[in-house]
Amino acid sequence: MSFMLLAFTKSYAEGRVKPETFSEAYIELYRLERDYDLLLKDNNKLSECLSSIFCIADLYNPNLDKEEYELNDEELLIQVNAELEKLNS
């Protein structure tokens, strides 16, 4: 199970990690787990959640000149929390 990815995401949702730090680190951690086939060990629900959060983190852009589809700090947190809620339902 991708315990570290999930724990890191929960830390971010609790306000213990800054959005920019979360986005960059999550993407790197996810890629490492993917490259070492660790994500294959997750159940489907967790796998879908972590994959969705990867996409959400990739859409994050802290700059003011971001594209319309990119997420700001608040939008990132809202979407990550929504994925965590789906996982827990």
Protein backbone atom coordinates (compact mmCIF):
# COMPACT_ATOMS: atom_id res chain seq x y z
CA MET A 1 0.00 0.00 0.00
CA SER A 2 1.15 3.49 -0.78
CA PHE A 3 1.19 4.51 2.85
CA MET A 4 3.63 7.39 2.34
CA LEU A 5 1.66 8.99 -0.48
CA LEU A 6 -1.56 8.79 1.48
CA ALA A 7 0.03 10.02 4.72
CA PHE A 8 1.75 12.88 2.89
CA THR A 9 -1.55 13.88 1.27
CA LYS A 10 -3.30 13.87 4.63
CA SER A 11 -0.52 16.05 6.07
CA TYR A 12 -1.12 18.54 3.28
CA ALA A 13 -4.88 18.48 3.83
CA GLU A 14 -4.28 19.20 7.53
CA GLY A 15 -2.24 22.30 6.63
CA ARG A 16 1.16 20.89 7.58
CA VAL A 17 2.61 21.18 4.07
CA LYS A 18 2.58 24.20 1.77
CA PRO A 19 0.76 23.80 -1.57
CA GLU A 20 3.85 24.25 -3.75
CA THR A 21 5.86 21.81 -1.65
CA PHE A 22 3.00 19.30 -1.76
CA SER A 23 2.58 19.49 -5.51
CA GLU A 24 6.26 19.06 -6.35
CA ALA A 25 6.93 16.35 -3.76
CA TYR A 26 3.74 14.39 -4.46
CA ILE A 27 4.52 14.20 -8.16
CA GLU A 28 8.03 12.94 -7.46
CA LEU A 29 6.92 10.42 -4.81
CA TYR A 30 4.16 9.13 -7.08
CA ARG A 31 6.60 8.65 -9.95
CA LEU A 32 9.02 6.76 -7.71
CA GLU A 33 6.30 4.44 -6.46
CA ARG A 34 5.09 3.94 -10.03
CA ASP A 35 8.58 3.21 -11.34
CA TYR A 36 9.19 0.60 -8.63
CA ASP A 37 5.76 -0.99 -9.23
CA LEU A 38 4.64 -0.18 -5.69
CA LEU A 39 1.38 1.34 -6.93
CA LEU A 40 0.37 -2.05 -8.33
CA LYS A 41 -0.01 -3.31 -4.78
CA ASP A 42 -2.80 -0.83 -3.96
CA ASN A 43 -6.47 -1.71 -4.11
CA ASN A 44 -8.45 -0.15 -6.96
CA LYS A 45 -10.08 2.55 -4.84
CA LEU A 46 -6.77 3.77 -3.39
CA SER A 47 -5.06 3.52 -6.77
CA GLU A 48 -7.73 5.68 -8.38
CA CYS A 49 -7.52 8.22 -5.55
CA LEU A 50 -3.74 8.52 -5.73
CA SER A 51 -3.80 8.76 -9.52
CA SER A 52 -6.42 11.52 -9.38
CA ILE A 53 -4.38 13.43 -6.82
CA PHE A 54 -1.35 13.12 -9.11
CA CYS A 55 -3.34 14.78 -11.90
CA ILE A 56 -4.61 17.46 -9.51
CA ALA A 57 -1.08 18.18 -8.24
CA ASP A 58 0.11 18.44 -11.83
CA LEU A 59 -2.52 21.12 -12.52
CA TYR A 60 -1.29 23.30 -9.66
CA ASN A 61 0.33 26.60 -10.60
CA PRO A 62 1.09 29.18 -7.89
CA ASN A 63 1.81 31.94 -10.43
CA LEU A 64 -0.67 34.74 -11.15
CA ASP A 65 -0.32 34.22 -14.90
CA LYS A 66 -1.66 30.68 -14.78
CA GLU A 67 -3.86 29.15 -17.45
CA GLU A 68 -7.60 29.00 -16.82
CA TYR A 69 -7.55 25.23 -16.25
CA GLU A 70 -4.70 25.40 -13.71
CA LEU A 71 -5.37 25.38 -9.98
CA ASN A 72 -4.44 27.96 -7.34
CA ASP A 73 -3.72 27.21 -3.67
CA GLU A 74 -7.35 27.09 -2.61
CA GLU A 75 -8.53 25.04 -5.59
CA LEU A 76 -5.73 22.52 -5.04
CA LEU A 77 -6.74 21.98 -1.43
CA ILE A 78 -10.44 21.68 -2.30
CA GLN A 79 -9.82 19.08 -4.98
CA VAL A 80 -7.37 17.05 -2.89
CA ASN A 81 -9.85 17.01 0.00
CA ALA A 82 -12.60 15.88 -2.38
CA GLU A 83 -10.48 12.90 -3.45
CA LEU A 84 -9.72 11.99 0.16
CA GLU A 85 -13.44 12.13 0.96
CA LYS A 86 -14.20 9.77 -1.95
CA LEU A 87 -11.60 7.36 -0.59
CA ASN A 88 -13.17 7.39 2.84
CA SER A 89 -16.76 6.95 1.61
